[in-house]
Amino acid sequence: MAEGQRHQVVVIGSGFGGLFGAKALRRADADVTVVAKTTHHLFQPLLYQVATGILSQGEIAPPTREILADQDNARVLLGEVTDIDLERKLVVSKVLGRRTVTPYDSLIVAAGSGQSYFGNDQFADYAPGMKSIDDALELRGRIFGAFELAELAETEEEVERLLTFVVVGAGPTGVEMAGQIAELAHRTLSKDFSKICTREARVILLDAAPQVLAPFGAKLGASAAKSLEKRGVEIRVGEMVTDVDERGLVVQKKDGTSTRIEAVTKVWAAGVQANPLGRTLAEQSGAPLDRAGRIGVNPDLTLPGHPEVFVVGDMIALDNLPGVAQVAIQGAKYAGKEISRRLDNKPPQKPFKYFDKGSMATISRFSAVALIGRIRLTGFIAWLMWLGVHLVYLTGFKNRITTLLHWAVTFIGTGRSERVATQQQIFGRLALERLEHGATEFVSPREEWGDVRAELEARAAEESRLTDSGERGHNRDKVGAEVGGSNTNASISGV
């Protein structure tokens, strides 16, 4: 840190870890820079409701700048972090070909995790995950689009393939997704189509594990499975996906036999992989990585050999902590407080200790499961608790109110306020991935900006001339002939 300059803290990520880490430094004598690849903070637990038309993306993804607007010592930079130089204390980020280097004195790495396909990344083309707004919008397009295409289908075989929905992964996200697709088919859309019967749609929940919701224990897992089956979800546990293509997927049972399921719409909710920045940190620090790419950290969440670097949330391998929002929130608050204490020359805190506030998963309307310590709840009471907890943690009063209204429309009635689906939602990601340099190919190099400016200025001048001369809506050749033949016509044409 240069003499006379304030302590510089860089926070990587705008999820729960990044946002709460930045907020924890509100009163610190430091400048805080949040670097994230999106402009919003994503409330990921409700992402499946965007995918199934209950909520809009804006209700669960408020702008990061708006959230931190009142924090005078914080600024936000858009960019995906591609490198961290621990020796020189630099963070390198990129967006659309623009490279930004941000120095730091303290660093909080909260880059989160992505979907894991267990080495079969090609599955993502046909079975999107559930980790981003883009994922949710693509799935919304695929799910609602499947019903529309089924209405147009000419054969019974095609209808069955379009009305079969497969969710891979029976954790909380998979259970919630399967429950909502079943609700869509059997309740919300049941009167909307004239040719197909949406109630005949198949919703299949697959998992290689022997039960649903394994982290919740056998009793709650069995209760969730029973509730899903009551709502028409077909549960197939102990089956592993071995291949996925455009029209279906292949699953392998424990005995080694394989079967194929014909289904156009697949949702991947199985497994997570820590952000690749974990490997970047491991290579420079010597810290270990586990199979999911999570990095081993000290009990105070610092990187071994680098006390100025804190790693929080889904990226850490410490005490078998789960990859849930509360771990990220509590870890980020701890890291922010520790940085503040250092700046105030106070002694360090005790090692980080996670306080488990419980786990919840909603199954469908009026039904959920909750595990709070030794207390296990199911049904309507658990569902009410789930509603309350998620409303509390939603960012912003406006989002809480609109979310509550949309829930009322969906759960009390049969409507869904967000049913817009476009081809761009479905195929936009694939189109960008097929470009060698992604979205950067659509951006003009800086050296061409002068030509672009000249073209825009010339176009604006021509638009202004057409308006001032009154030439809009007239055939120029005809106007010229009229001017030559009659002064009266000329005066009229100029009006």
Protein backbone atom coordinates (compact mmCIF):
# COMPACT_ATOMS: atom_id res chain seq x y z
CA MET A 1 0.00 0.00 0.00
CA ALA A 2 1.41 3.37 -1.05
CA GLU A 3 2.05 5.91 1.69
CA GLY A 4 -1.02 8.05 2.36
CA GLN A 5 -3.30 5.72 0.39
CA ARG A 6 -6.21 3.94 2.04
CA HIS A 7 -6.21 0.18 2.43
CA GLN A 8 -7.50 -1.42 -0.78
CA VAL A 9 -9.86 -4.39 -0.46
CA VAL A 10 -10.94 -6.31 -3.56
CA VAL A 11 -13.97 -8.62 -3.37
CA ILE A 12 -14.37 -11.15 -6.18
CA GLY A 13 -17.99 -12.11 -6.83
CA SER A 14 -21.42 -10.56 -6.28
CA GLY A 15 -23.19 -13.57 -4.81
CA PHE A 16 -23.94 -14.03 -1.12
CA GLY A 17 -20.24 -14.14 -0.20
CA GLY A 18 -19.24 -11.13 -2.27
CA LEU A 19 -22.20 -8.95 -1.29
CA PHE A 20 -22.05 -9.64 2.45
CA GLY A 21 -18.25 -9.35 2.41
CA ALA A 22 -18.49 -5.86 0.89
CA LYS A 23 -21.25 -4.84 3.29
CA ALA A 24 -19.21 -6.03 6.29
CA LEU A 25 -16.58 -3.42 5.37
CA ARG A 26 -19.05 -0.52 5.31
CA ARG A 27 -17.41 1.27 8.27
CA ALA A 28 -13.84 0.12 7.60
CA ASP A 29 -11.10 2.63 6.82
CA ALA A 30 -10.65 1.10 3.40
CA ASP A 31 -11.71 1.35 -0.23
CA VAL A 32 -13.72 -1.67 -1.36
CA THR A 33 -13.87 -2.79 -5.00
CA VAL A 34 -16.31 -5.53 -6.00
CA VAL A 35 -15.34 -7.29 -9.24
CA ALA A 36 -18.00 -9.59 -10.70
CA LYS A 37 -18.90 -11.08 -14.08
CA THR A 38 -22.54 -10.01 -13.73
CA THR A 39 -24.09 -6.69 -12.78
CA HIS A 40 -26.51 -8.28 -10.31
CA HIS A 41 -26.64 -10.14 -7.02
CA LEU A 42 -28.37 -13.46 -7.61
CA PHE A 43 -30.66 -15.00 -4.99
CA GLN A 44 -29.95 -18.47 -6.29
CA PRO A 45 -32.38 -20.46 -4.07
CA LEU A 46 -35.31 -19.03 -6.05
CA LEU A 47 -33.76 -19.49 -9.49
CA TYR A 48 -36.04 -22.45 -10.25
CA GLN A 49 -39.06 -20.15 -9.84
CA VAL A 50 -37.73 -17.97 -12.67
CA ALA A 51 -37.35 -21.09 -14.80
CA THR A 52 -40.94 -22.16 -14.16
CA GLY A 53 -42.59 -18.78 -14.64
CA ILE A 54 -43.41 -17.82 -11.05
CA LEU A 55 -40.99 -14.91 -10.66
CA SER A 56 -39.18 -12.52 -12.98
CA GLN A 57 -35.40 -12.39 -12.98
CA GLY A 58 -35.44 -8.85 -11.61
CA GLU A 59 -37.10 -9.98 -8.38
CA ILE A 60 -34.26 -12.34 -7.48
CA ALA A 61 -31.39 -10.44 -9.12
CA PRO A 62 -31.25 -6.78 -8.02
CA PRO A 63 -28.39 -4.64 -9.42
CA THR A 64 -25.24 -4.81 -7.30
CA ARG A 65 -24.65 -1.10 -7.81
CA GLU A 66 -28.09 -0.29 -6.44
CA ILE A 67 -27.53 -2.44 -3.36
CA LEU A 68 -24.19 -0.78 -2.60
CA ALA A 69 -25.16 2.74 -3.73
CA ASP A 70 -25.28 4.05 -0.16
CA GLN A 71 -21.92 2.55 0.80
CA ASP A 72 -19.51 5.42 0.17
CA ASN A 73 -16.34 3.32 0.32
CA ALA A 74 -17.53 0.75 -2.24
CA ARG A 75 -17.38 0.64 -6.02
CA VAL A 76 -18.37 -2.05 -8.51
CA LEU A 77 -16.48 -3.23 -11.59
CA LEU A 78 -17.92 -5.50 -14.28
CA GLY A 79 -15.58 -8.24 -15.43
CA GLU A 80 -14.84 -11.94 -15.12
CA VAL A 81 -11.72 -12.50 -13.04
CA THR A 82 -9.30 -14.56 -15.12
CA ASP A 83 -6.18 -14.39 -12.95
CA ILE A 84 -4.95 -13.53 -9.47
CA ASP A 85 -1.28 -12.67 -8.92
CA LEU A 86 -0.62 -13.43 -5.26
CA GLU A 87 2.96 -12.20 -5.32
CA ARG A 88 2.17 -8.81 -6.87
CA LYS A 89 -1.28 -8.60 -5.25
CA LEU A 90 -3.18 -8.01 -8.48
CA VAL A 91 -6.57 -9.14 -9.76
CA VAL A 92 -7.01 -9.37 -13.54
CA SER A 93 -10.53 -9.24 -15.03
CA LYS A 94 -11.89 -9.12 -18.57
CA VAL A 95 -15.14 -8.17 -20.29
CA LEU A 96 -15.65 -8.08 -24.08
CA GLY A 97 -11.89 -7.99 -24.68
CA ARG A 98 -11.21 -5.17 -22.23
CA ARG A 99 -8.61 -6.11 -19.60
CA THR A 100 -8.62 -4.47 -16.16
CA VAL A 101 -5.96 -4.88 -13.46
CA THR A 102 -6.99 -4.06 -9.88
CA PRO A 103 -4.42 -3.99 -7.05
CA TYR A 104 -5.32 -5.08 -3.52
CA ASP A 105 -4.00 -5.07 0.02
CA SER A 106 -6.66 -7.52 1.21
CA LEU A 107 -8.64 -9.90 -0.97
CA ILE A 108 -11.92 -11.75 -0.45
CA VAL A 109 -12.47 -14.49 -3.05
CA ALA A 110 -16.17 -15.40 -3.23
CA ALA A 111 -16.48 -16.57 -6.83
CA GLY A 112 -18.85 -19.41 -6.00
CA SER A 113 -19.33 -22.57 -8.02
CA GLY A 114 -20.75 -23.80 -11.30
CA GLN A 115 -22.60 -26.84 -12.53
CA SER A 116 -20.63 -30.07 -12.64
CA TYR A 117 -21.28 -32.63 -15.37
CA PHE A 118 -18.67 -35.00 -13.92
CA GLY A 119 -16.36 -34.73 -16.91
CA ASN A 120 -19.15 -34.78 -19.51
CA ASP A 121 -19.44 -31.08 -20.27
CA GLN A 122 -21.05 -31.87 -23.63
CA PHE A 123 -24.23 -32.74 -21.70
CA ALA A 124 -24.73 -29.01 -21.06
CA ASP A 125 -25.83 -28.46 -24.67
CA TYR A 126 -28.99 -30.48 -24.05
CA ALA A 127 -29.40 -30.34 -20.25
CA PRO A 128 -28.82 -26.83 -18.88
CA GLY A 129 -27.87 -26.41 -15.23
CA MET A 130 -29.39 -24.08 -12.66
CA LYS A 131 -26.66 -21.64 -11.68
CA SER A 132 -27.41 -18.36 -13.46
CA ILE A 133 -30.18 -16.14 -14.81
CA ASP A 134 -29.20 -17.26 -18.32
CA ASP A 135 -29.72 -20.89 -17.25
CA ALA A 136 -33.14 -20.14 -15.78
CA LEU A 137 -34.35 -18.21 -18.84
CA GLU A 138 -33.12 -20.93 -21.19
CA LEU A 139 -34.93 -23.56 -19.15
CA ARG A 140 -38.09 -21.43 -19.12
CA GLY A 141 -37.94 -21.33 -22.90
CA ARG A 142 -37.36 -25.06 -23.13
CA ILE A 143 -40.12 -26.00 -20.67
CA PHE A 144 -42.89 -23.77 -22.00
CA GLY A 145 -41.67 -24.30 -25.56
CA ALA A 146 -42.06 -28.06 -25.16
CA PHE A 147 -45.78 -27.69 -24.51
CA GLU A 148 -46.17 -25.37 -27.51
CA LEU A 149 -44.36 -27.78 -29.83
CA ALA A 150 -46.37 -30.71 -28.49
CA GLU A 151 -49.54 -28.89 -29.55
CA LEU A 152 -48.12 -28.84 -33.10
CA ALA A 153 -46.80 -32.41 -33.10
CA GLU A 154 -48.13 -34.79 -35.76
CA THR A 155 -47.39 -38.14 -34.10
CA GLU A 156 -48.12 -39.60 -30.69
CA GLU A 157 -44.45 -40.52 -30.35
CA GLU A 158 -43.40 -36.91 -30.82
CA VAL A 159 -45.98 -35.69 -28.29
CA GLU A 160 -44.70 -38.16 -25.69
CA ARG A 161 -41.10 -37.09 -26.24
CA LEU A 162 -42.00 -33.40 -25.90
CA LEU A 163 -44.16 -33.96 -22.82
CA THR A 164 -41.50 -35.93 -20.95
CA PHE A 165 -39.40 -33.80 -18.61
CA VAL A 166 -36.34 -35.25 -16.89
CA VAL A 167 -34.65 -33.62 -13.90
CA VAL A 168 -31.23 -35.06 -13.11
CA GLY A 169 -30.27 -34.74 -9.45
CA ALA A 170 -32.57 -35.28 -6.45
CA GLY A 171 -31.09 -32.64 -4.17
CA PRO A 172 -33.07 -29.53 -3.11
CA THR A 173 -32.84 -27.87 -6.54
CA GLY A 174 -33.89 -31.01 -8.40
CA VAL A 175 -36.77 -31.71 -6.04
CA GLU A 176 -38.04 -28.13 -6.28
CA MET A 177 -37.71 -28.11 -10.06
CA ALA A 178 -39.50 -31.45 -10.54
CA GLY A 179 -42.31 -30.37 -8.24
CA GLN A 180 -42.89 -27.13 -10.12
CA ILE A 181 -42.84 -28.74 -13.57
CA ALA A 182 -45.44 -31.22 -12.34
CA GLU A 183 -47.50 -28.32 -10.98
CA LEU A 184 -47.29 -26.61 -14.36
CA ALA A 185 -48.43 -29.65 -16.28
CA HIS A 186 -51.15 -30.88 -13.96
CA ARG A 187 -52.58 -27.58 -12.76
CA THR A 188 -51.40 -24.32 -14.36
CA LEU A 189 -51.57 -25.33 -18.04
CA SER A 190 -54.30 -27.96 -17.80
CA LYS A 191 -56.91 -25.80 -19.62
CA ASP A 192 -54.65 -23.85 -21.97
CA PHE A 193 -54.28 -26.30 -24.88
CA SER A 194 -56.90 -27.76 -27.19
CA LYS A 195 -55.05 -30.70 -28.74
CA ILE A 196 -52.79 -32.06 -25.99
CA CYS A 197 -53.63 -33.02 -22.42
CA THR A 198 -50.88 -31.53 -20.28
CA ARG A 199 -51.92 -33.73 -17.35
CA GLU A 200 -50.46 -36.68 -19.26
CA ALA A 201 -46.96 -35.15 -19.14
CA ARG A 202 -44.28 -37.28 -17.48
CA VAL A 203 -41.94 -35.66 -14.95
CA ILE A 204 -39.03 -37.93 -14.05
CA LEU A 205 -36.59 -37.24 -11.19
CA LEU A 206 -33.31 -39.16 -11.55
CA ASP A 207 -30.39 -39.61 -9.17
CA ALA A 208 -27.54 -42.07 -8.80
CA ALA A 209 -27.95 -41.83 -5.01
CA PRO A 210 -30.28 -44.32 -3.31
CA GLN A 211 -32.72 -41.67 -2.00
CA VAL A 212 -34.21 -38.24 -2.53
CA LEU A 213 -32.74 -35.32 -0.52
CA ALA A 214 -29.90 -37.36 0.97
CA PRO A 215 -28.54 -34.45 3.13
CA PHE A 216 -31.94 -34.23 4.87
CA GLY A 217 -31.80 -37.79 6.18
CA ALA A 218 -33.81 -40.90 5.38
CA LYS A 219 -37.08 -39.85 7.06
CA LEU A 220 -37.43 -36.45 5.35
CA GLY A 221 -36.16 -37.91 2.09
CA ALA A 222 -38.90 -40.54 2.14
CA SER A 223 -41.51 -37.91 2.99
CA ALA A 224 -40.38 -35.72 0.08
CA ALA A 225 -40.45 -38.68 -2.31
CA LYS A 226 -43.98 -39.61 -1.24
CA SER A 227 -45.17 -36.04 -1.71
CA LEU A 228 -43.60 -35.81 -5.17
CA GLU A 229 -45.11 -39.10 -6.29
CA LYS A 230 -48.51 -37.90 -5.08
CA ARG A 231 -48.11 -34.96 -7.46
CA GLY A 232 -47.27 -37.18 -10.40
CA VAL A 233 -43.47 -37.15 -10.34
CA GLU A 234 -41.81 -40.44 -11.29
CA ILE A 235 -38.79 -41.02 -9.02
CA ARG A 236 -35.93 -43.19 -10.22
CA VAL A 237 -33.04 -43.40 -7.76
CA GLY A 238 -29.93 -45.51 -8.10
CA GLU A 239 -29.75 -44.66 -11.81
CA MET A 240 -26.82 -42.78 -13.36
CA VAL A 241 -26.93 -40.76 -16.57
CA THR A 242 -24.31 -41.98 -19.05
CA ASP A 243 -25.30 -40.10 -22.21
CA VAL A 244 -27.43 -37.14 -23.22
CA ASP A 245 -28.48 -35.94 -26.66
CA GLU A 246 -31.08 -33.64 -28.18
CA ARG A 247 -33.93 -36.13 -28.00
CA GLY A 248 -33.25 -38.04 -24.80
CA LEU A 249 -30.77 -39.58 -22.39
CA VAL A 250 -29.37 -42.97 -21.39
CA VAL A 251 -29.37 -44.13 -17.76
CA GLN A 252 -27.52 -47.03 -16.20
CA LYS A 253 -28.91 -49.00 -13.27
CA LYS A 254 -26.90 -50.58 -10.46
CA ASP A 255 -26.93 -53.96 -12.18
CA GLY A 256 -25.18 -52.43 -15.19
CA THR A 257 -28.17 -52.50 -17.56
CA SER A 258 -28.95 -49.35 -19.50
CA THR A 259 -32.21 -47.87 -20.69
CA ARG A 260 -33.04 -44.87 -22.81
CA ILE A 261 -35.58 -42.19 -21.92
CA GLU A 262 -36.98 -40.18 -24.82
CA ALA A 263 -37.27 -36.58 -23.61
CA VAL A 264 -36.61 -33.25 -25.28
CA THR A 265 -36.43 -31.22 -22.05
CA LYS A 266 -33.75 -32.15 -19.53
CA VAL A 267 -32.67 -30.21 -16.44
CA TRP A 268 -29.28 -30.85 -14.82
CA ALA A 269 -29.30 -30.32 -11.06
CA ALA A 270 -26.63 -32.86 -10.11
CA GLY A 271 -23.29 -31.82 -8.70
CA VAL A 272 -21.31 -28.61 -8.42
CA GLN A 273 -17.74 -27.63 -9.27
CA ALA A 274 -15.93 -24.78 -7.54
CA ASN A 275 -14.86 -21.78 -9.61
CA PRO A 276 -11.59 -22.35 -11.54
CA LEU A 277 -10.00 -19.54 -9.52
CA GLY A 278 -9.57 -22.14 -6.78
CA ARG A 279 -7.04 -23.92 -8.96
CA THR A 280 -5.30 -20.62 -9.71
CA LEU A 281 -4.88 -19.98 -5.99
CA ALA A 282 -3.79 -23.57 -5.30
CA GLU A 283 -1.05 -23.48 -7.95
CA GLN A 284 0.48 -20.34 -6.45
CA SER A 285 0.04 -21.16 -2.75
CA GLY A 286 0.40 -24.93 -2.64
CA ALA A 287 -2.99 -25.28 -0.93
CA PRO A 288 -4.78 -28.59 -1.62
CA LEU A 289 -7.83 -29.02 -3.85
CA ASP A 290 -10.55 -31.62 -3.40
CA ARG A 291 -12.37 -33.46 -6.19
CA ALA A 292 -14.93 -30.67 -6.52
CA GLY A 293 -12.20 -28.06 -6.99
CA ARG A 294 -12.62 -26.56 -3.51
CA ILE A 295 -9.48 -25.21 -1.91
CA GLY A 296 -8.18 -26.00 1.57
CA VAL A 297 -8.03 -22.90 3.78
CA ASN A 298 -6.85 -22.10 7.30
CA PRO A 299 -9.37 -22.09 10.19
CA ASP A 300 -9.61 -18.30 9.82
CA LEU A 301 -10.58 -18.73 6.12
CA THR A 302 -7.23 -17.36 4.89
CA LEU A 303 -5.19 -18.94 2.14
CA PRO A 304 -2.16 -20.86 3.47
CA GLY A 305 0.88 -18.59 3.29
CA HIS A 306 -1.22 -15.55 2.37
CA PRO A 307 -2.99 -14.06 5.41
CA GLU A 308 -4.23 -11.15 3.28
CA VAL A 309 -6.35 -13.49 1.12
CA PHE A 310 -9.68 -14.84 2.39
CA VAL A 311 -11.67 -17.49 0.51
CA VAL A 312 -15.35 -17.97 1.40
CA GLY A 313 -18.47 -19.84 0.34
CA ASP A 314 -18.67 -22.71 -2.15
CA MET A 315 -14.95 -22.49 -2.95
CA ILE A 316 -13.60 -23.73 0.40
CA ALA A 317 -12.90 -27.20 1.73
CA LEU A 318 -13.07 -26.80 5.52
CA ASP A 319 -14.70 -29.00 8.16
CA ASN A 320 -17.02 -30.58 5.57
CA LEU A 321 -19.00 -27.34 5.29
CA PRO A 322 -21.93 -27.58 2.84
CA GLY A 323 -22.15 -25.40 -0.25
CA VAL A 324 -25.12 -23.35 0.92
CA ALA A 325 -25.86 -19.65 1.15
CA GLN A 326 -25.44 -19.45 4.92
CA VAL A 327 -21.86 -20.71 4.75
CA ALA A 328 -21.02 -17.96 2.26
CA ILE A 329 -22.84 -15.26 4.25
CA GLN A 330 -21.29 -16.14 7.59
CA GLY A 331 -17.83 -16.63 6.08
CA ALA A 332 -17.97 -13.29 4.28
CA LYS A 333 -19.04 -11.45 7.44
CA TYR A 334 -16.19 -13.13 9.32
CA ALA A 335 -13.64 -12.11 6.66
CA GLY A 336 -14.89 -8.51 6.55
CA LYS A 337 -14.78 -8.23 10.33
CA GLU A 338 -11.25 -9.66 10.45
CA ILE A 339 -9.99 -7.12 7.89
CA SER A 340 -11.59 -4.30 9.89
CA ARG A 341 -9.99 -5.56 13.11
CA ARG A 342 -6.58 -5.62 11.48
CA LEU A 343 -6.99 -2.04 10.30
CA ASP A 344 -7.94 -1.03 13.86
CA ASN A 345 -4.95 -2.96 15.29
CA LYS A 346 -7.23 -5.29 17.24
CA PRO A 347 -6.39 -8.93 18.02
CA PRO A 348 -7.64 -11.57 15.56
CA GLN A 349 -10.95 -13.39 15.99
CA LYS A 350 -11.26 -16.99 17.03
CA PRO A 351 -11.29 -19.52 14.15
CA PHE A 352 -14.38 -19.42 11.95
CA LYS A 353 -17.25 -21.53 13.26
CA TYR A 354 -20.32 -22.13 11.14
CA PHE A 355 -23.72 -21.91 12.79
CA ASP A 356 -26.15 -24.21 10.99
CA LYS A 357 -29.55 -22.50 10.77
CA GLY A 358 -31.13 -25.51 9.10
CA SER A 359 -32.09 -26.62 5.60
CA MET A 360 -35.34 -26.37 3.69
CA ALA A 361 -36.71 -27.52 0.38
CA THR A 362 -40.13 -26.85 -1.13
CA ILE A 363 -41.79 -29.70 -2.97
CA SER A 364 -44.84 -28.00 -4.43
CA ARG A 365 -47.70 -25.74 -3.42
CA PHE A 366 -48.32 -25.98 0.35
CA SER A 367 -45.70 -28.70 0.80
CA ALA A 368 -42.07 -28.54 1.94
CA VAL A 369 -39.55 -30.23 4.24
CA ALA A 370 -37.38 -28.52 6.85
CA LEU A 371 -34.46 -29.73 8.95
CA ILE A 372 -33.56 -27.42 11.85
CA GLY A 373 -31.16 -29.06 14.27
CA ARG A 374 -32.94 -32.19 15.42
CA ILE A 375 -36.34 -30.85 14.41
CA ARG A 376 -37.85 -32.31 11.26
CA LEU A 377 -40.93 -30.70 9.73
CA THR A 378 -42.99 -31.57 6.67
CA GLY A 379 -46.07 -30.32 4.89
CA PHE A 380 -47.83 -26.97 5.23
CA ILE A 381 -45.98 -25.72 8.34
CA ALA A 382 -42.61 -26.36 6.71
CA TRP A 383 -43.86 -24.59 3.57
CA LEU A 384 -44.87 -21.49 5.54
CA MET A 385 -41.44 -21.45 7.21
CA TRP A 386 -39.81 -21.76 3.79
CA LEU A 387 -41.82 -18.77 2.52
CA GLY A 388 -40.87 -16.63 5.50
CA VAL A 389 -37.15 -17.43 5.43
CA HIS A 390 -36.83 -16.75 1.71
CA LEU A 391 -38.70 -13.46 1.98
CA VAL A 392 -36.37 -12.33 4.79
CA TYR A 393 -33.23 -13.02 2.78
CA LEU A 394 -34.48 -11.44 -0.46
CA THR A 395 -32.65 -8.17 -1.03
CA GLY A 396 -34.81 -5.04 -1.08
CA PHE A 397 -38.30 -4.15 0.16
CA LYS A 398 -39.63 -3.80 -3.41
CA ASN A 399 -38.54 -7.32 -4.32
CA ARG A 400 -40.15 -8.76 -1.20
CA ILE A 401 -43.50 -7.13 -1.99
CA THR A 402 -43.60 -8.13 -5.67
CA THR A 403 -42.44 -11.66 -4.85
CA LEU A 404 -45.20 -12.01 -2.27
CA LEU A 405 -47.77 -10.85 -4.84
CA HIS A 406 -46.53 -13.30 -7.46
CA TRP A 407 -46.58 -16.12 -4.93
CA ALA A 408 -50.20 -15.25 -4.12
CA VAL A 409 -51.12 -15.40 -7.81
CA THR A 410 -49.34 -18.73 -8.26
CA PHE A 411 -50.14 -20.58 -5.06
CA ILE A 412 -53.70 -19.37 -4.41
CA GLY A 413 -54.75 -19.21 -8.06
CA THR A 414 -53.43 -21.08 -11.07
CA GLY A 415 -51.66 -18.30 -12.97
CA ARG A 416 -47.99 -17.66 -13.58
CA SER A 417 -46.99 -14.10 -14.37
CA GLU A 418 -43.75 -14.91 -16.23
CA ARG A 419 -44.54 -17.25 -19.10
CA VAL A 420 -42.74 -15.45 -21.92
CA ALA A 421 -40.42 -17.80 -23.81
CA THR A 422 -38.38 -16.94 -26.90
CA GLN A 423 -36.05 -18.75 -29.27
CA GLN A 424 -33.27 -16.43 -28.17
CA GLN A 425 -33.57 -17.72 -24.61
CA ILE A 426 -33.21 -21.29 -25.79
CA PHE A 427 -30.53 -21.01 -28.46
CA GLY A 428 -28.64 -17.82 -27.57
CA ARG A 429 -26.13 -19.56 -25.31
CA LEU A 430 -25.37 -22.25 -27.88
CA ALA A 431 -24.91 -19.63 -30.61
CA LEU A 432 -22.41 -17.65 -28.52
CA GLU A 433 -20.46 -20.78 -27.59
CA ARG A 434 -20.01 -21.66 -31.25
CA LEU A 435 -18.21 -18.37 -31.88
CA GLU A 436 -14.46 -18.65 -31.46
CA HIS A 437 -14.24 -15.59 -29.21
CA GLY A 438 -17.79 -15.54 -27.88
CA ALA A 439 -19.56 -12.20 -27.53
CA THR A 440 -16.27 -10.38 -28.16
CA GLU A 441 -16.72 -11.07 -31.88
CA PHE A 442 -19.64 -8.63 -31.91
CA VAL A 443 -17.57 -5.76 -30.52
CA SER A 444 -15.57 -3.53 -32.87
CA PRO A 445 -11.83 -3.18 -32.10
CA ARG A 446 -10.99 0.17 -30.53
CA GLU A 447 -9.07 1.30 -33.59
CA GLU A 448 -12.31 1.10 -35.57
CA TRP A 449 -14.27 3.27 -33.16
CA GLY A 450 -13.28 6.42 -35.05
CA ASP A 451 -14.87 5.06 -38.24
CA VAL A 452 -17.97 4.04 -36.30
CA ARG A 453 -18.26 7.52 -34.79
CA ALA A 454 -17.94 9.16 -38.23
CA GLU A 455 -20.65 6.89 -39.63
CA LEU A 456 -23.00 7.64 -36.73
CA GLU A 457 -22.44 11.38 -37.08
CA ALA A 458 -23.11 11.26 -40.82
CA ARG A 459 -26.28 9.24 -40.27
CA ALA A 460 -27.52 11.69 -37.63
CA ALA A 461 -26.83 14.66 -39.94
CA GLU A 462 -28.79 13.02 -42.76
CA GLU A 463 -31.74 12.26 -40.45
CA SER A 464 -31.77 15.90 -39.34
CA ARG A 465 -31.63 17.15 -42.96
CA LEU A 466 -34.56 14.95 -44.02
CA THR A 467 -36.69 16.31 -41.19
CA ASP A 468 -35.77 19.98 -41.79
CA SER A 469 -36.30 19.75 -45.57
CA GLY A 470 -39.66 18.01 -45.26
CA GLU A 471 -38.61 15.20 -47.57
CA ARG A 472 -39.84 12.32 -45.39
CA GLY A 473 -42.66 10.32 -46.98
CA HIS A 474 -42.21 11.79 -50.47
CA ASN A 475 -40.81 10.28 -53.66
CA ARG A 476 -37.96 12.61 -54.56
CA ASP A 477 -38.37 12.13 -58.35
CA LYS A 478 -42.09 12.89 -58.13
CA VAL A 479 -41.48 15.96 -56.02
CA GLY A 480 -38.99 17.26 -58.57
CA ALA A 481 -41.48 16.81 -61.44
CA GLU A 482 -44.20 18.62 -59.52
CA VAL A 483 -41.89 21.51 -58.72
CA GLY A 484 -41.05 21.91 -62.42
CA GLY A 485 -44.71 21.83 -63.54
CA SER A 486 -46.58 23.97 -61.02
CA ASN A 487 -45.74 26.49 -58.36
CA THR A 488 -48.96 25.59 -56.54
CA ASN A 489 -48.05 21.92 -56.38
CA ALA A 490 -44.56 22.87 -55.26
CA SER A 491 -45.92 24.90 -52.36
CA ILE A 492 -48.28 22.08 -51.36
CA SER A 493 -45.58 19.44 -51.51
CA GLY A 494 -43.39 21.53 -49.27
CA VAL A 495 -45.99 21.73 -46.49
